[in-house]
C-alpha atoms as a PDB file:
ATOM      1  CA  MET A   1      33.487 299.278-202.805  1.00  0.00           C
ATOM      2  CA  SER A   2      34.610 298.337-199.258  1.00  0.00           C
ATOM      3  CA  THR A   3      32.477 296.354-196.903  1.00  0.00           C
ATOM      4  CA  THR A   4      34.867 296.496-193.938  1.00  0.00           C
ATOM      5  CA  MET A   5      33.574 298.023-191.060  1.00  0.00           C
ATOM      6  CA  PRO A   6      35.134 301.443-189.882  1.00  0.00           C
ATOM      7  CA  LEU A   7      35.109 300.607-186.029  1.00  0.00           C
ATOM      8  CA  PRO A   8      35.914 297.206-184.524  1.00  0.00           C
ATOM      9  CA  VAL A   9      32.451 294.973-184.274  1.00  0.00           C
ATOM     10  CA  GLU A  10      33.043 294.882-180.725  1.00  0.00           C
ATOM     11  CA  TYR A  11      31.841 298.287-180.762  1.00  0.00           C
ATOM     12  CA  PHE A  12      28.193 297.441-181.535  1.00  0.00           C
ATOM     13  CA  PRO A  13      25.530 295.115-180.080  1.00  0.00           C
ATOM     14  CA  ARG A  14      25.329 291.572-181.263  1.00  0.00           C
ATOM     15  CA  ARG A  15      22.039 289.842-182.473  1.00  0.00           C
ATOM     16  CA  ALA A  16      21.178 286.453-183.673  1.00  0.00           C
ATOM     17  CA  VAL A  17      19.082 285.541-185.930  1.00  0.00           C
ATOM     18  CA  ALA A  18      17.452 281.920-186.727  1.00  0.00           C
ATOM     19  CA  ALA A  19      16.662 280.515-189.874  1.00  0.00           C
ATOM     20  CA  GLY A  20      13.626 281.750-191.539  1.00  0.00           C
ATOM     21  CA  GLU A  21      13.203 284.815-188.874  1.00  0.00           C
ATOM     22  CA  VAL A  22      12.149 288.220-189.618  1.00  0.00           C
ATOM     23  CA  VAL A  23      14.264 291.193-189.031  1.00  0.00           C
ATOM     24  CA  PHE A  24      11.821 293.854-189.599  1.00  0.00           C
ATOM     25  CA  LEU A  25       9.124 294.205-191.403  1.00  0.00           C
ATOM     26  CA  GLU A  26       8.677 296.933-194.436  1.00  0.00           C
ATOM     27  CA  GLY A  27       7.017 300.003-193.450  1.00  0.00           C
ATOM     28  CA  GLN A  28       7.792 299.708-189.543  1.00  0.00           C
ATOM     29  CA  PRO A  29       9.441 302.867-187.912  1.00  0.00           C
ATOM     30  CA  ALA A  30      13.003 302.979-187.786  1.00  0.00           C
ATOM     31  CA  GLU A  31      15.590 302.933-185.242  1.00  0.00           C
ATOM     32  CA  CYS A  32      18.566 300.875-186.497  1.00  0.00           C
ATOM     33  CA  ALA A  33      20.570 299.871-189.284  1.00  0.00           C
ATOM     34  CA  PHE A  34      22.344 296.250-189.399  1.00  0.00           C
ATOM     35  CA  VAL A  35      25.640 294.703-190.958  1.00  0.00           C
ATOM     36  CA  ILE A  36      25.855 290.568-191.707  1.00  0.00           C
ATOM     37  CA  LEU A  37      28.496 289.159-189.537  1.00  0.00           C
ATOM     38  CA  ASN A  38      27.686 285.701-191.261  1.00  0.00           C
ATOM     39  CA  GLY A  39      24.979 284.251-192.933  1.00  0.00           C
ATOM     40  CA  GLU A  40      22.322 285.515-195.304  1.00  0.00           C
ATOM     41  CA  VAL A  41      19.799 287.308-195.495  1.00  0.00           C
ATOM     42  CA  GLU A  42      16.307 287.652-198.334  1.00  0.00           C
ATOM     43  CA  VAL A  43      15.682 291.599-199.286  1.00  0.00           C
ATOM     44  CA  VAL A  44      11.369 291.128-199.647  1.00  0.00           C
ATOM     45  CA  ALA A  45       9.320 294.291-201.105  1.00  0.00           C
ATOM     46  CA  SER A  46       5.442 294.053-202.269  1.00  0.00           C
ATOM     47  CA  GLY A  47       5.346 293.865-205.760  1.00  0.00           C
ATOM     48  CA  ALA A  48       1.809 294.037-207.742  1.00  0.00           C
ATOM     49  CA  GLY A  49      -1.108 293.692-205.639  1.00  0.00           C
ATOM     50  CA  GLY A  50       0.674 293.479-202.578  1.00  0.00           C
ATOM     51  CA  ALA A  51       2.664 290.156-203.177  1.00  0.00           C
ATOM     52  CA  PRO A  52       6.148 289.962-201.574  1.00  0.00           C
ATOM     53  CA  VAL A  53       9.228 289.488-204.135  1.00  0.00           C
ATOM     54  CA  VAL A  54      12.467 288.377-203.256  1.00  0.00           C
ATOM     55  CA  VAL A  55      14.173 291.555-204.547  1.00  0.00           C
ATOM     56  CA  ASN A  56      17.802 290.674-203.091  1.00  0.00           C
ATOM     57  CA  HIS A  57      19.857 289.073-201.376  1.00  0.00           C
ATOM     58  CA  LEU A  58      23.028 290.023-198.513  1.00  0.00           C
ATOM     59  CA  LYS A  59      25.651 288.013-197.413  1.00  0.00           C
ATOM     60  CA  ALA A  60      28.503 288.666-194.568  1.00  0.00           C
ATOM     61  CA  GLY A  61      29.498 292.080-195.090  1.00  0.00           C
ATOM     62  CA  GLN A  62      27.217 294.273-196.786  1.00  0.00           C
ATOM     63  CA  MET A  63      24.331 296.402-194.795  1.00  0.00           C
ATOM     64  CA  PHE A  64      20.563 296.903-194.556  1.00  0.00           C
ATOM     65  CA  GLY A  65      18.474 299.077-192.704  1.00  0.00           C
ATOM     66  CA  GLU A  66      20.200 301.672-193.584  1.00  0.00           C
ATOM     67  CA  ILE A  67      17.915 303.840-196.193  1.00  0.00           C
ATOM     68  CA  ALA A  68      15.269 303.998-193.046  1.00  0.00           C
ATOM     69  CA  LEU A  69      17.579 306.226-191.206  1.00  0.00           C
ATOM     70  CA  LEU A  70      18.621 307.854-194.614  1.00  0.00           C
ATOM     71  CA  GLN A  71      14.700 308.999-195.486  1.00  0.00           C
ATOM     72  CA  PRO A  72      12.438 311.075-193.891  1.00  0.00           C
ATOM     73  CA  GLY A  73       9.835 309.855-192.269  1.00  0.00           C
ATOM     74  CA  GLY A  74      12.180 306.894-190.998  1.00  0.00           C
ATOM     75  CA  THR A  75       9.906 303.951-192.493  1.00  0.00           C
ATOM     76  CA  ARG A  76      11.090 299.989-193.436  1.00  0.00           C
ATOM     77  CA  THR A  77      11.051 300.069-197.436  1.00  0.00           C
ATOM     78  CA  ALA A  78      11.199 296.181-197.092  1.00  0.00           C
ATOM     79  CA  THR A  79      11.231 293.176-195.384  1.00  0.00           C
ATOM     80  CA  ILE A  80      14.330 291.619-194.157  1.00  0.00           C
ATOM     81  CA  VAL A  81      14.048 287.395-193.772  1.00  0.00           C
ATOM     82  CA  SER A  82      17.072 285.198-192.358  1.00  0.00           C
ATOM     83  CA  GLU A  83      17.430 282.807-195.545  1.00  0.00           C
ATOM     84  CA  LYS A  84      19.263 280.370-192.802  1.00  0.00           C
ATOM     85  CA  GLY A  85      20.233 282.146-189.217  1.00  0.00           C
ATOM     86  CA  CYS A  86      22.253 284.696-189.509  1.00  0.00           C
ATOM     87  CA  ASP A  87      24.527 286.923-186.885  1.00  0.00           C
ATOM     88  CA  LEU A  88      23.838 290.698-187.027  1.00  0.00           C
ATOM     89  CA  ILE A  89      25.657 293.939-186.115  1.00  0.00           C
ATOM     90  CA  GLU A  90      23.119 296.546-184.840  1.00  0.00           C
ATOM     91  CA  ILE A  91      23.811 300.513-185.091  1.00  0.00           C
ATOM     92  CA  ASP A  92      21.182 302.529-184.154  1.00  0.00           C
ATOM     93  CA  ARG A  93      19.901 305.580-184.573  1.00  0.00           C
ATOM     94  CA  LYS A  94      21.563 308.331-182.355  1.00  0.00           C
ATOM     95  CA  PHE A  95      25.026 306.521-183.529  1.00  0.00           C
ATOM     96  CA  PHE A  96      24.180 306.844-186.770  1.00  0.00           C
ATOM     97  CA  ASP A  97      23.028 310.360-187.252  1.00  0.00           C
ATOM     98  CA  GLN A  98      25.640 311.590-184.809  1.00  0.00           C
ATOM     99  CA  SER A  99      28.081 310.099-187.689  1.00  0.00           C
ATOM    100  CA  LEU A 100      26.314 311.314-190.406  1.00  0.00           C
ATOM    101  CA  ALA A 101      25.920 315.115-188.641  1.00  0.00           C
ATOM    102  CA  LYS A 102      29.971 315.075-189.063  1.00  0.00           C
ATOM    103  CA  SER A 103      30.052 314.372-192.162  1.00  0.00           C
ATOM    104  CA  ASP A 104      30.739 316.920-195.496  1.00  0.00           C
ATOM    105  CA  PRO A 105      27.177 318.222-196.188  1.00  0.00           C
ATOM    106  CA  LEU A 106      27.958 317.623-199.666  1.00  0.00           C
ATOM    107  CA  LEU A 107      28.236 313.969-199.248  1.00  0.00           C
ATOM    108  CA  ARG A 108      24.959 313.768-197.150  1.00  0.00           C
ATOM    109  CA  TYR A 109      23.020 315.247-199.683  1.00  0.00           C
ATOM    110  CA  VAL A 110      24.514 313.224-202.590  1.00  0.00           C
ATOM    111  CA  VAL A 111      24.001 309.437-199.985  1.00  0.00           C
ATOM    112  CA  GLY A 112      20.286 310.945-199.595  1.00  0.00           C
ATOM    113  CA  HIS A 113      19.680 311.242-203.750  1.00  0.00           C
ATOM    114  CA  LEU A 114      20.781 307.902-203.595  1.00  0.00           C
ATOM    115  CA  CYS A 115      19.234 306.403-201.743  1.00  0.00           C
ATOM    116  CA  GLN A 116      15.922 307.881-203.080  1.00  0.00           C
ATOM    117  CA  ARG A 117      17.304 306.378-206.577  1.00  0.00           C
ATOM    118  CA  LEU A 118      17.587 302.911-204.775  1.00  0.00           C
ATOM    119  CA  VAL A 119      14.238 303.047-203.005  1.00  0.00           C
ATOM    120  CA  ALA A 120      12.910 304.411-206.388  1.00  0.00           C
ATOM    121  CA  LEU A 121      14.660 301.376-208.277  1.00  0.00           C
ATOM    122  CA  THR A 122      13.903 298.785-205.231  1.00  0.00           C
ATOM    123  CA  MET A 123       9.619 299.459-205.770  1.00  0.00           C
ATOM    124  CA  ARG A 124      10.266 299.116-209.512  1.00  0.00           C
ATOM    125  CA  ALA A 125      12.082 295.898-209.491  1.00  0.00           C
ATOM    126  CA  ALA A 126       8.847 294.862-206.808  1.00  0.00           C
ATOM    127  CA  ASP A 127       6.212 296.042-209.505  1.00  0.00           C
ATOM    128  CA  ASP A 128       8.306 294.082-212.123  1.00  0.00           C
ATOM    129  CA  THR A 129       6.737 290.260-211.513  1.00  0.00           C
ATOM    130  CA  LYS A 130       3.015 291.971-212.653  1.00  0.00           C
ATOM    131  CA  PRO A 131       1.293 288.931-214.112  1.00  0.00           C
END
């Protein structure tokens, strides 16, 4: 799978995030997705009893926050924390929705289905940390 942006990164606003800074919290409404230009982030989900569990680490070239833009209700499925500081580009909901609307309906259906499956797997991974 390619991690190359389909548009020049200069097209999107940038955001610098300090080490340890929370990009967004699980459950918050979503208005954008992000692509990591440099640095890394932790994906933290609520595990058993609501305890935070790191379920993934993402690095430069990877995207996060897109699932909330694809799901009904549009809320964040995990908390994102910058590990050592990172630079992000921001893809706002309006641009995301316009781009998605131009795609084939079957592809939109498949992407939605994959997102539902990914959310379920993330929740299961967080719950598997039960004592």
